[in-house]
Amino acid sequence: REIDSTPLGSASIAQAHRAVLTTGEEVVIKVQRPGIHEIMR
């Protein structure tokens, strides 16, 4: 339903955002940085 644009935290591998599902449940979505696997390798 919505994703908070301000991240809860931003680390080297992923970034976390507070969000709300279409069902109304509050969740945290952890999104991996694009290309991080190849960069670290």
PDB file of all heavy atoms in Angstrom:
ATOM      1  N   ARG A   1       0.837  -1.188   0.000  1.00  0.00           N
ATOM      2  CA  ARG A   1       0.000   0.000   0.000  1.00  0.00           C
ATOM      3  C   ARG A   1       0.871   1.236   0.000  1.00  0.00           C
ATOM      4  O   ARG A   1       0.567   2.222  -0.663  1.00  0.00           O
ATOM      5  CB  ARG A   1      -0.925  -0.013   1.216  1.00  0.00           C
ATOM      6  CG  ARG A   1      -1.860   1.180   1.299  1.00  0.00           C
ATOM      7  CD  ARG A   1      -2.685   1.139   2.577  1.00  0.00           C
ATOM      8  NE  ARG A   1      -3.512  -0.066   2.632  1.00  0.00           N
ATOM      9  CZ  ARG A   1      -4.238  -0.418   3.704  1.00  0.00           C
ATOM     10  NH1 ARG A   1      -4.201   0.325   4.800  1.00  0.00           N
ATOM     11  NH2 ARG A   1      -4.971  -1.514   3.671  1.00  0.00           N
ATOM     12  N   GLU A   2       1.958   1.176   0.737  1.00  0.00           N
ATOM     13  CA  GLU A   2       2.916   2.282   0.768  1.00  0.00           C
ATOM     14  C   GLU A   2       4.276   1.768   1.223  1.00  0.00           C
ATOM     15  O   GLU A   2       4.373   0.757   1.927  1.00  0.00           O
ATOM     16  CB  GLU A   2       2.445   3.404   1.694  1.00  0.00           C
ATOM     17  CG  GLU A   2       2.305   2.989   3.153  1.00  0.00           C
ATOM     18  CD  GLU A   2       1.909   4.152   4.046  1.00  0.00           C
ATOM     19  OE1 GLU A   2       2.809   4.966   4.375  1.00  0.00           O
ATOM     20  OE2 GLU A   2       0.718   4.246   4.408  1.00  0.00           O
ATOM     21  N   ILE A   3       5.332   2.467   0.814  1.00  0.00           N
ATOM     22  CA  ILE A   3       6.701   2.197   1.254  1.00  0.00           C
ATOM     23  C   ILE A   3       7.296   3.524   1.695  1.00  0.00           C
ATOM     24  O   ILE A   3       7.284   4.499   0.923  1.00  0.00           O
ATOM     25  CB  ILE A   3       7.563   1.584   0.128  1.00  0.00           C
ATOM     26  CG1 ILE A   3       6.965   0.267  -0.362  1.00  0.00           C
ATOM     27  CG2 ILE A   3       8.994   1.358   0.625  1.00  0.00           C
ATOM     28  CD1 ILE A   3       7.732  -0.361  -1.527  1.00  0.00           C
ATOM     29  N   ASP A   4       7.794   3.580   2.903  1.00  0.00           N
ATOM     30  CA  ASP A   4       8.386   4.807   3.431  1.00  0.00           C
ATOM     31  C   ASP A   4       9.654   5.127   2.642  1.00  0.00           C
ATOM     32  O   ASP A   4      10.550   4.283   2.512  1.00  0.00           O
ATOM     33  CB  ASP A   4       8.703   4.627   4.917  1.00  0.00           C
ATOM     34  CG  ASP A   4       9.060   5.952   5.601  1.00  0.00           C
ATOM     35  OD1 ASP A   4       9.310   6.944   4.877  1.00  0.00           O
ATOM     36  OD2 ASP A   4       9.104   5.982   6.841  1.00  0.00           O
ATOM     37  N   SER A   5       9.755   6.331   2.126  1.00  0.00           N
ATOM     38  CA  SER A   5      10.919   6.705   1.324  1.00  0.00           C
ATOM     39  C   SER A   5      12.178   6.889   2.155  1.00  0.00           C
ATOM     40  O   SER A   5      13.290   6.816   1.627  1.00  0.00           O
ATOM     41  CB  SER A   5      10.630   8.000   0.550  1.00  0.00           C
ATOM     42  OG  SER A   5      10.345   9.064   1.453  1.00  0.00           O
ATOM     43  N   THR A   6      12.022   7.110   3.453  1.00  0.00           N
ATOM     44  CA  THR A   6      13.183   7.253   4.334  1.00  0.00           C
ATOM     45  C   THR A   6      13.611   5.883   4.832  1.00  0.00           C
ATOM     46  O   THR A   6      12.820   5.190   5.489  1.00  0.00           O
ATOM     47  CB  THR A   6      12.860   8.156   5.538  1.00  0.00           C
ATOM     48  OG1 THR A   6      12.407   9.429   5.068  1.00  0.00           O
ATOM     49  CG2 THR A   6      14.094   8.343   6.419  1.00  0.00           C
ATOM     50  N   PRO A   7      14.825   5.448   4.552  1.00  0.00           N
ATOM     51  CA  PRO A   7      15.243   4.095   4.963  1.00  0.00           C
ATOM     52  C   PRO A   7      15.402   3.977   6.475  1.00  0.00           C
ATOM     53  O   PRO A   7      15.814   4.932   7.146  1.00  0.00           O
ATOM     54  CB  PRO A   7      16.578   3.901   4.247  1.00  0.00           C
ATOM     55  CG  PRO A   7      17.094   5.274   3.987  1.00  0.00           C
ATOM     56  CD  PRO A   7      15.889   6.144   3.790  1.00  0.00           C
ATOM     57  N   LEU A   8      15.063   2.794   6.999  1.00  0.00           N
ATOM     58  CA  LEU A   8      15.331   2.494   8.409  1.00  0.00           C
ATOM     59  C   LEU A   8      16.819   2.316   8.645  1.00  0.00           C
ATOM     60  O   LEU A   8      17.323   2.584   9.736  1.00  0.00           O
ATOM     61  CB  LEU A   8      14.583   1.216   8.818  1.00  0.00           C
ATOM     62  CG  LEU A   8      13.068   1.294   8.873  1.00  0.00           C
ATOM     63  CD1 LEU A   8      12.486  -0.099   9.103  1.00  0.00           C
ATOM     64  CD2 LEU A   8      12.608   2.254   9.953  1.00  0.00           C
ATOM     65  N   GLY A   9      17.517   1.840   7.635  1.00  0.00           N
ATOM     66  CA  GLY A   9      18.956   1.640   7.722  1.00  0.00           C
ATOM     67  C   GLY A   9      19.509   1.325   6.352  1.00  0.00           C
ATOM     68  O   GLY A   9      18.808   0.763   5.491  1.00  0.00           O
ATOM     69  N   SER A  10      20.765   1.706   6.137  1.00  0.00           N
ATOM     70  CA  SER A  10      21.409   1.436   4.856  1.00  0.00           C
ATOM     71  C   SER A  10      22.789   0.863   5.135  1.00  0.00           C
ATOM     72  O   SER A  10      23.641   1.548   5.718  1.00  0.00           O
ATOM     73  CB  SER A  10      21.513   2.719   4.029  1.00  0.00           C
ATOM     74  OG  SER A  10      22.108   2.472   2.780  1.00  0.00           O
ATOM     75  N   ALA A  11      22.992  -0.395   4.762  1.00  0.00           N
ATOM     76  CA  ALA A  11      24.260  -1.077   5.015  1.00  0.00           C
ATOM     77  C   ALA A  11      24.936  -1.413   3.700  1.00  0.00           C
ATOM     78  O   ALA A  11      24.468  -1.064   2.617  1.00  0.00           O
ATOM     79  CB  ALA A  11      24.024  -2.334   5.845  1.00  0.00           C
ATOM     80  N   SER A  12      26.046  -2.111   3.793  1.00  0.00           N
ATOM     81  CA  SER A  12      26.854  -2.393   2.602  1.00  0.00           C
ATOM     82  C   SER A  12      26.173  -3.347   1.649  1.00  0.00           C
ATOM     83  O   SER A  12      26.407  -3.302   0.437  1.00  0.00           O
ATOM     84  CB  SER A  12      28.213  -2.962   3.025  1.00  0.00           C
ATOM     85  OG  SER A  12      28.023  -4.110   3.830  1.00  0.00           O
ATOM     86  N   ILE A  13      25.317  -4.241   2.161  1.00  0.00           N
ATOM     87  CA  ILE A  13      24.678  -5.237   1.312  1.00  0.00           C
ATOM     88  C   ILE A  13      23.234  -4.881   0.988  1.00  0.00           C
ATOM     89  O   ILE A  13      22.768  -5.120  -0.123  1.00  0.00           O
ATOM     90  CB  ILE A  13      24.748  -6.631   1.979  1.00  0.00           C
ATOM     91  CG1 ILE A  13      26.191  -7.152   1.967  1.00  0.00           C
ATOM     92  CG2 ILE A  13      23.829  -7.631   1.289  1.00  0.00           C
ATOM     93  CD1 ILE A  13      26.371  -8.492   2.618  1.00  0.00           C
ATOM     94  N   ALA A  14      22.520  -4.297   1.927  1.00  0.00           N
ATOM     95  CA  ALA A  14      21.087  -4.070   1.718  1.00  0.00           C
ATOM     96  C   ALA A  14      20.633  -2.777   2.386  1.00  0.00           C
ATOM     97  O   ALA A  14      21.369  -2.161   3.163  1.00  0.00           O
ATOM     98  CB  ALA A  14      20.285  -5.254   2.253  1.00  0.00           C
ATOM     99  N   GLN A  15      19.415  -2.411   2.065  1.00  0.00           N
ATOM    100  CA  GLN A  15      18.784  -1.220   2.620  1.00  0.00           C
ATOM    101  C   GLN A  15      17.386  -1.607   3.070  1.00  0.00           C
ATOM    102  O   GLN A  15      16.684  -2.339   2.366  1.00  0.00           O
ATOM    103  CB  GLN A  15      18.737  -0.119   1.565  1.00  0.00           C
ATOM    104  CG  GLN A  15      18.238   1.224   2.056  1.00  0.00           C
ATOM    105  CD  GLN A  15      18.577   2.331   1.077  1.00  0.00           C
ATOM    106  OE1 GLN A  15      19.753   2.533   0.743  1.00  0.00           O
ATOM    107  NE2 GLN A  15      17.558   3.044   0.603  1.00  0.00           N
ATOM    108  N   ALA A  16      16.966  -1.141   4.243  1.00  0.00           N
ATOM    109  CA  ALA A  16      15.676  -1.529   4.812  1.00  0.00           C
ATOM    110  C   ALA A  16      14.722  -0.337   4.840  1.00  0.00           C
ATOM    111  O   ALA A  16      15.117   0.792   5.155  1.00  0.00           O
ATOM    112  CB  ALA A  16      15.863  -2.082   6.217  1.00  0.00           C
ATOM    113  N   HIS A  17      13.464  -0.610   4.501  1.00  0.00           N
ATOM    114  CA  HIS A  17      12.412   0.415   4.508  1.00  0.00           C
ATOM    115  C   HIS A  17      11.177  -0.130   5.231  1.00  0.00           C
ATOM    116  O   HIS A  17      10.867  -1.318   5.135  1.00  0.00           O
ATOM    117  CB  HIS A  17      12.016   0.812   3.082  1.00  0.00           C
ATOM    118  CG  HIS A  17      13.051   1.619   2.372  1.00  0.00           C
ATOM    119  ND1 HIS A  17      12.961   2.991   2.240  1.00  0.00           N
ATOM    120  CD2 HIS A  17      14.201   1.251   1.745  1.00  0.00           C
ATOM    121  CE1 HIS A  17      14.017   3.434   1.559  1.00  0.00           C
ATOM    122  NE2 HIS A  17      14.777   2.392   1.239  1.00  0.00           N
ATOM    123  N   ARG A  18      10.509   0.764   5.917  1.00  0.00           N
ATOM    124  CA  ARG A  18       9.227   0.411   6.516  1.00  0.00           C
ATOM    125  C   ARG A  18       8.153   0.477   5.428  1.00  0.00           C
ATOM    126  O   ARG A  18       8.168   1.378   4.576  1.00  0.00           O
ATOM    127  CB  ARG A  18       8.905   1.378   7.648  1.00  0.00           C
ATOM    128  CG  ARG A  18       7.712   0.991   8.497  1.00  0.00           C
ATOM    129  CD  ARG A  18       7.616   1.911   9.706  1.00  0.00           C
ATOM    130  NE  ARG A  18       6.453   1.614  10.531  1.00  0.00           N
ATOM    131  CZ  ARG A  18       6.186   2.237  11.682  1.00  0.00           C
ATOM    132  NH1 ARG A  18       7.007   3.194  12.117  1.00  0.00           N
ATOM    133  NH2 ARG A  18       5.111   1.912  12.380  1.00  0.00           N
ATOM    134  N   ALA A  19       7.226  -0.484   5.453  1.00  0.00           N
ATOM    135  CA  ALA A  19       6.199  -0.544   4.414  1.00  0.00           C
ATOM    136  C   ALA A  19       4.900  -1.079   4.996  1.00  0.00           C
ATOM    137  O   ALA A  19       4.860  -1.593   6.124  1.00  0.00           O
ATOM    138  CB  ALA A  19       6.664  -1.409   3.245  1.00  0.00           C
ATOM    139  N   VAL A  20       3.833  -0.949   4.209  1.00  0.00           N
ATOM    140  CA  VAL A  20       2.518  -1.472   4.586  1.00  0.00           C
ATOM    141  C   VAL A  20       1.998  -2.313   3.433  1.00  0.00           C
ATOM    142  O   VAL A  20       1.965  -1.850   2.272  1.00  0.00           O
ATOM    143  CB  VAL A  20       1.518  -0.332   4.901  1.00  0.00           C
ATOM    144  CG1 VAL A  20       0.162  -0.919   5.291  1.00  0.00           C
ATOM    145  CG2 VAL A  20       2.047   0.562   6.019  1.00  0.00           C
ATOM    146  N   LEU A  21       1.622  -3.546   3.713  1.00  0.00           N
ATOM    147  CA  LEU A  21       1.080  -4.423   2.675  1.00  0.00           C
ATOM    148  C   LEU A  21      -0.309  -3.967   2.269  1.00  0.00           C
ATOM    149  O   LEU A  21      -0.963  -3.178   2.970  1.00  0.00           O
ATOM    150  CB  LEU A  21       1.026  -5.863   3.186  1.00  0.00           C
ATOM    151  CG  LEU A  21       2.370  -6.541   3.540  1.00  0.00           C
ATOM    152  CD1 LEU A  21       2.116  -7.930   4.109  1.00  0.00           C
ATOM    153  CD2 LEU A  21       3.267  -6.624   2.309  1.00  0.00           C
ATOM    154  N   THR A  22      -0.790  -4.476   1.150  1.00  0.00           N
ATOM    155  CA  THR A  22      -2.146  -4.149   0.715  1.00  0.00           C
ATOM    156  C   THR A  22      -3.186  -4.648   1.706  1.00  0.00           C
ATOM    157  O   THR A  22      -4.318  -4.160   1.729  1.00  0.00           O
ATOM    158  CB  THR A  22      -2.409  -4.763  -0.666  1.00  0.00           C
ATOM    159  OG1 THR A  22      -2.136  -6.177  -0.622  1.00  0.00           O
ATOM    160  CG2 THR A  22      -1.525  -4.115  -1.725  1.00  0.00           C
ATOM    161  N   THR A  23      -2.795  -5.618   2.546  1.00  0.00           N
ATOM    162  CA  THR A  23      -3.693  -6.126   3.582  1.00  0.00           C
ATOM    163  C   THR A  23      -3.718  -5.227   4.807  1.00  0.00           C
ATOM    164  O   THR A  23      -4.505  -5.452   5.724  1.00  0.00           O
ATOM    165  CB  THR A  23      -3.253  -7.535   4.020  1.00  0.00           C
ATOM    166  OG1 THR A  23      -1.901  -7.469   4.519  1.00  0.00           O
ATOM    167  CG2 THR A  23      -3.310  -8.504   2.854  1.00  0.00           C
ATOM    168  N   GLY A  24      -2.823  -4.228   4.862  1.00  0.00           N
ATOM    169  CA  GLY A  24      -2.768  -3.313   5.999  1.00  0.00           C
ATOM    170  C   GLY A  24      -1.734  -3.679   7.043  1.00  0.00           C
ATOM    171  O   GLY A  24      -1.549  -2.941   8.016  1.00  0.00           O
ATOM    172  N   GLU A  25      -1.033  -4.787   6.854  1.00  0.00           N
ATOM    173  CA  GLU A  25      -0.034  -5.214   7.840  1.00  0.00           C
ATOM    174  C   GLU A  25       1.262  -4.440   7.659  1.00  0.00           C
ATOM    175  O   GLU A  25       1.753  -4.285   6.528  1.00  0.00           O
ATOM    176  CB  GLU A  25       0.231  -6.709   7.706  1.00  0.00           C
ATOM    177  CG  GLU A  25       1.177  -7.254   8.752  1.00  0.00           C
ATOM    178  CD  GLU A  25       1.348  -8.759   8.661  1.00  0.00           C
ATOM    179  OE1 GLU A  25       0.699  -9.383   7.795  1.00  0.00           O
ATOM    180  OE2 GLU A  25       2.127  -9.311   9.463  1.00  0.00           O
ATOM    181  N   GLU A  26       1.818  -3.963   8.780  1.00  0.00           N
ATOM    182  CA  GLU A  26       3.086  -3.236   8.744  1.00  0.00           C
ATOM    183  C   GLU A  26       4.248  -4.222   8.651  1.00  0.00           C
ATOM    184  O   GLU A  26       4.306  -5.187   9.409  1.00  0.00           O
ATOM    185  CB  GLU A  26       3.250  -2.363   9.989  1.00  0.00           C
ATOM    186  CG  GLU A  26       2.376  -1.131  10.009  1.00  0.00           C
ATOM    187  CD  GLU A  26       2.769  -0.198  11.136  1.00  0.00           C
ATOM    188  OE1 GLU A  26       2.384  -0.499  12.284  1.00  0.00           O
ATOM    189  OE2 GLU A  26       3.459   0.809  10.889  1.00  0.00           O
ATOM    190  N   VAL A  27       5.176  -3.936   7.735  1.00  0.00           N
ATOM    191  CA  VAL A  27       6.299  -4.834   7.516  1.00  0.00           C
ATOM    192  C   VAL A  27       7.568  -4.014   7.319  1.00  0.00           C
ATOM    193  O   VAL A  27       7.532  -2.777   7.204  1.00  0.00           O
ATOM    194  CB  VAL A  27       6.073  -5.744   6.280  1.00  0.00           C
ATOM    195  CG1 VAL A  27       4.887  -6.649   6.476  1.00  0.00           C
ATOM    196  CG2 VAL A  27       5.908  -4.890   5.020  1.00  0.00           C
ATOM    197  N   VAL A  28       8.684  -4.735   7.286  1.00  0.00           N
ATOM    198  CA  VAL A  28       9.972  -4.166   6.893  1.00  0.00           C
ATOM    199  C   VAL A  28      10.404  -4.877   5.629  1.00  0.00           C
ATOM    200  O   VAL A  28      10.382  -6.115   5.569  1.00  0.00           O
ATOM    201  CB  VAL A  28      11.027  -4.350   7.999  1.00  0.00           C
ATOM    202  CG1 VAL A  28      12.413  -3.964   7.482  1.00  0.00           C
ATOM    203  CG2 VAL A  28      10.679  -3.506   9.212  1.00  0.00           C
ATOM    204  N   ILE A  29      10.788  -4.116   4.623  1.00  0.00           N
ATOM    205  CA  ILE A  29      11.262  -4.704   3.370  1.00  0.00           C
ATOM    206  C   ILE A  29      12.761  -4.433   3.256  1.00  0.00           C
ATOM    207  O   ILE A  29      13.205  -3.302   3.330  1.00  0.00           O
ATOM    208  CB  ILE A  29      10.487  -4.145   2.153  1.00  0.00           C
ATOM    209  CG1 ILE A  29      11.069  -4.722   0.852  1.00  0.00           C
ATOM    210  CG2 ILE A  29      10.460  -2.629   2.141  1.00  0.00           C
ATOM    211  CD1 ILE A  29      10.255  -4.379  -0.375  1.00  0.00           C
ATOM    212  N   LYS A  30      13.515  -5.491   3.127  1.00  0.00           N
ATOM    213  CA  LYS A  30      14.968  -5.419   3.032  1.00  0.00           C
ATOM    214  C   LYS A  30      15.362  -5.669   1.577  1.00  0.00           C
ATOM    215  O   LYS A  30      15.121  -6.749   1.035  1.00  0.00           O
ATOM    216  CB  LYS A  30      15.588  -6.471   3.957  1.00  0.00           C
ATOM    217  CG  LYS A  30      17.090  -6.412   4.097  1.00  0.00           C
ATOM    218  CD  LYS A  30      17.545  -7.428   5.156  1.00  0.00           C
ATOM    219  CE  LYS A  30      19.053  -7.466   5.296  1.00  0.00           C
ATOM    220  NZ  LYS A  30      19.482  -8.475   6.313  1.00  0.00           N
ATOM    221  N   VAL A  31      15.953  -4.668   0.957  1.00  0.00           N
ATOM    222  CA  VAL A  31      16.251  -4.707  -0.475  1.00  0.00           C
ATOM    223  C   VAL A  31      17.758  -4.750  -0.680  1.00  0.00           C
ATOM    224  O   VAL A  31      18.501  -3.915  -0.145  1.00  0.00           O
ATOM    225  CB  VAL A  31      15.655  -3.484  -1.192  1.00  0.00           C
ATOM    226  CG1 VAL A  31      15.939  -3.554  -2.690  1.00  0.00           C
ATOM    227  CG2 VAL A  31      14.159  -3.383  -0.930  1.00  0.00           C
ATOM    228  N   GLN A  32      18.211  -5.715  -1.471  1.00  0.00           N
ATOM    229  CA  GLN A  32      19.647  -5.855  -1.723  1.00  0.00           C
ATOM    230  C   GLN A  32      20.119  -4.828  -2.746  1.00  0.00           C
ATOM    231  O   GLN A  32      19.425  -4.529  -3.716  1.00  0.00           O
ATOM    232  CB  GLN A  32      19.940  -7.267  -2.234  1.00  0.00           C
ATOM    233  CG  GLN A  32      21.413  -7.598  -2.337  1.00  0.00           C
ATOM    234  CD  GLN A  32      21.632  -9.080  -2.643  1.00  0.00           C
ATOM    235  OE1 GLN A  32      22.363  -9.425  -3.560  1.00  0.00           O
ATOM    236  NE2 GLN A  32      20.989  -9.951  -1.896  1.00  0.00           N
ATOM    237  N   ARG A  33      21.313  -4.302  -2.511  1.00  0.00           N
ATOM    238  CA  ARG A  33      21.892  -3.322  -3.434  1.00  0.00           C
ATOM    239  C   ARG A  33      22.138  -3.983  -4.798  1.00  0.00           C
ATOM    240  O   ARG A  33      22.642  -5.107  -4.866  1.00  0.00           O
ATOM    241  CB  ARG A  33      23.215  -2.789  -2.885  1.00  0.00           C
ATOM    242  CG  ARG A  33      23.049  -1.863  -1.688  1.00  0.00           C
ATOM    243  CD  ARG A  33      24.382  -1.400  -1.154  1.00  0.00           C
ATOM    244  NE  ARG A  33      24.206  -0.433  -0.077  1.00  0.00           N
ATOM    245  CZ  ARG A  33      24.134   0.886  -0.254  1.00  0.00           C
ATOM    246  NH1 ARG A  33      24.281   1.382  -1.477  1.00  0.00           N
ATOM    247  NH2 ARG A  33      23.950   1.698   0.759  1.00  0.00           N
ATOM    248  N   PRO A  34      21.818  -3.319  -5.871  1.00  0.00           N
ATOM    249  CA  PRO A  34      22.007  -3.921  -7.204  1.00  0.00           C
ATOM    250  C   PRO A  34      23.482  -4.127  -7.514  1.00  0.00           C
ATOM    251  O   PRO A  34      24.317  -3.261  -7.280  1.00  0.00           O
ATOM    252  CB  PRO A  34      21.380  -2.874  -8.147  1.00  0.00           C
ATOM    253  CG  PRO A  34      21.422  -1.578  -7.380  1.00  0.00           C
ATOM    254  CD  PRO A  34      21.250  -1.962  -5.938  1.00  0.00           C
ATOM    255  N   GLY A  35      23.795  -5.316  -8.020  1.00  0.00           N
ATOM    256  CA  GLY A  35      25.162  -5.627  -8.442  1.00  0.00           C
ATOM    257  C   GLY A  35      26.138  -5.830  -7.299  1.00  0.00           C
ATOM    258  O   GLY A  35      27.346  -5.930  -7.545  1.00  0.00           O
ATOM    259  N   ILE A  36      25.647  -5.931  -6.049  1.00  0.00           N
ATOM    260  CA  ILE A  36      26.564  -6.018  -4.907  1.00  0.00           C
ATOM    261  C   ILE A  36      27.370  -7.309  -4.946  1.00  0.00           C
ATOM    262  O   ILE A  36      28.539  -7.349  -4.534  1.00  0.00           O
ATOM    263  CB  ILE A  36      25.799  -5.888  -3.568  1.00  0.00           C
ATOM    264  CG1 ILE A  36      26.773  -5.790  -2.386  1.00  0.00           C
ATOM    265  CG2 ILE A  36      24.834  -7.043  -3.383  1.00  0.00           C
ATOM    266  CD1 ILE A  36      27.647  -4.573  -2.405  1.00  0.00           C
ATOM    267  N   HIS A  37      26.780  -8.390  -5.462  1.00  0.00           N
ATOM    268  CA  HIS A  37      27.489  -9.668  -5.527  1.00  0.00           C
ATOM    269  C   HIS A  37      28.730  -9.542  -6.409  1.00  0.00           C
ATOM    270  O   HIS A  37      29.835  -9.959  -6.026  1.00  0.00           O
ATOM    271  CB  HIS A  37      26.556 -10.753  -6.063  1.00  0.00           C
ATOM    272  CG  HIS A  37      27.138 -12.134  -6.016  1.00  0.00           C
ATOM    273  ND1 HIS A  37      28.056 -12.586  -6.958  1.00  0.00           N
ATOM    274  CD2 HIS A  37      26.959 -13.166  -5.143  1.00  0.00           C
ATOM    275  CE1 HIS A  37      28.392 -13.829  -6.678  1.00  0.00           C
ATOM    276  NE2 HIS A  37      27.749 -14.209  -5.583  1.00  0.00           N
ATOM    277  N   GLU A  38      28.559  -8.952  -7.591  1.00  0.00           N
ATOM    278  CA  GLU A  38      29.682  -8.813  -8.502  1.00  0.00           C
ATOM    279  C   GLU A  38      30.717  -7.820  -7.969  1.00  0.00           C
ATOM    280  O   GLU A  38      31.930  -8.018  -8.118  1.00  0.00           O
ATOM    281  CB  GLU A  38      29.176  -8.350  -9.874  1.00  0.00           C
ATOM    282  CG  GLU A  38      30.263  -8.188 -10.928  1.00  0.00           C
ATOM    283  CD  GLU A  38      31.023  -9.480 -11.199  1.00  0.00           C
ATOM    284  OE1 GLU A  38      30.443 -10.577 -10.997  1.00  0.00           O
ATOM    285  OE2 GLU A  38      32.197  -9.405 -11.609  1.00  0.00           O
ATOM    286  N   ILE A  39      30.231  -6.753  -7.319  1.00  0.00           N
ATOM    287  CA  ILE A  39      31.154  -5.761  -6.757  1.00  0.00           C
ATOM    288  C   ILE A  39      32.021  -6.382  -5.671  1.00  0.00           C
ATOM    289  O   ILE A  39      33.246  -6.207  -5.648  1.00  0.00           O
ATOM    290  CB  ILE A  39      30.361  -4.558  -6.193  1.00  0.00           C
ATOM    291  CG1 ILE A  39      29.701  -3.776  -7.324  1.00  0.00           C
ATOM    292  CG2 ILE A  39      31.280  -3.640  -5.383  1.00  0.00           C
ATOM    293  CD1 ILE A  39      28.735  -2.708  -6.853  1.00  0.00           C
ATOM    294  N   MET A  40      31.394  -7.139  -4.773  1.00  0.00           N
ATOM    295  CA  MET A  40      32.150  -7.762  -3.684  1.00  0.00           C
ATOM    296  C   MET A  40      33.093  -8.828  -4.222  1.00  0.00           C
ATOM    297  O   MET A  40      34.214  -8.987  -3.723  1.00  0.00           O
ATOM    298  CB  MET A  40      31.193  -8.341  -2.638  1.00  0.00           C
ATOM    299  CG  MET A  40      30.371  -7.293  -1.909  1.00  0.00           C
ATOM    300  SD  MET A  40      29.377  -7.965  -0.557  1.00  0.00           S
ATOM    301  CE  MET A  40      30.625  -8.179   0.697  1.00  0.00           C
ATOM    302  N   ARG A  41      32.640  -9.570  -5.227  1.00  0.00           N
ATOM    303  CA  ARG A  41      33.507 -10.593  -5.803  1.00  0.00           C
ATOM    304  C   ARG A  41      34.743  -9.956  -6.436  1.00  0.00           C
ATOM    305  O   ARG A  41      35.861 -10.448  -6.284  1.00  0.00           O
ATOM    306  CB  ARG A  41      32.728 -11.404  -6.845  1.00  0.00           C
ATOM    307  CG  ARG A  41      33.493 -12.616  -7.385  1.00  0.00           C
ATOM    308  CD  ARG A  41      32.875 -13.119  -8.665  1.00  0.00           C
ATOM    309  NE  ARG A  41      32.941 -12.120  -9.723  1.00  0.00           N
ATOM    310  CZ  ARG A  41      34.041 -11.848 -10.417  1.00  0.00           C
ATOM    311  NH1 ARG A  41      35.181 -12.488 -10.177  1.00  0.00           N
ATOM    312  NH2 ARG A  41      34.023 -10.914 -11.350  1.00  0.00           N
TER     313      ARG A  41
END
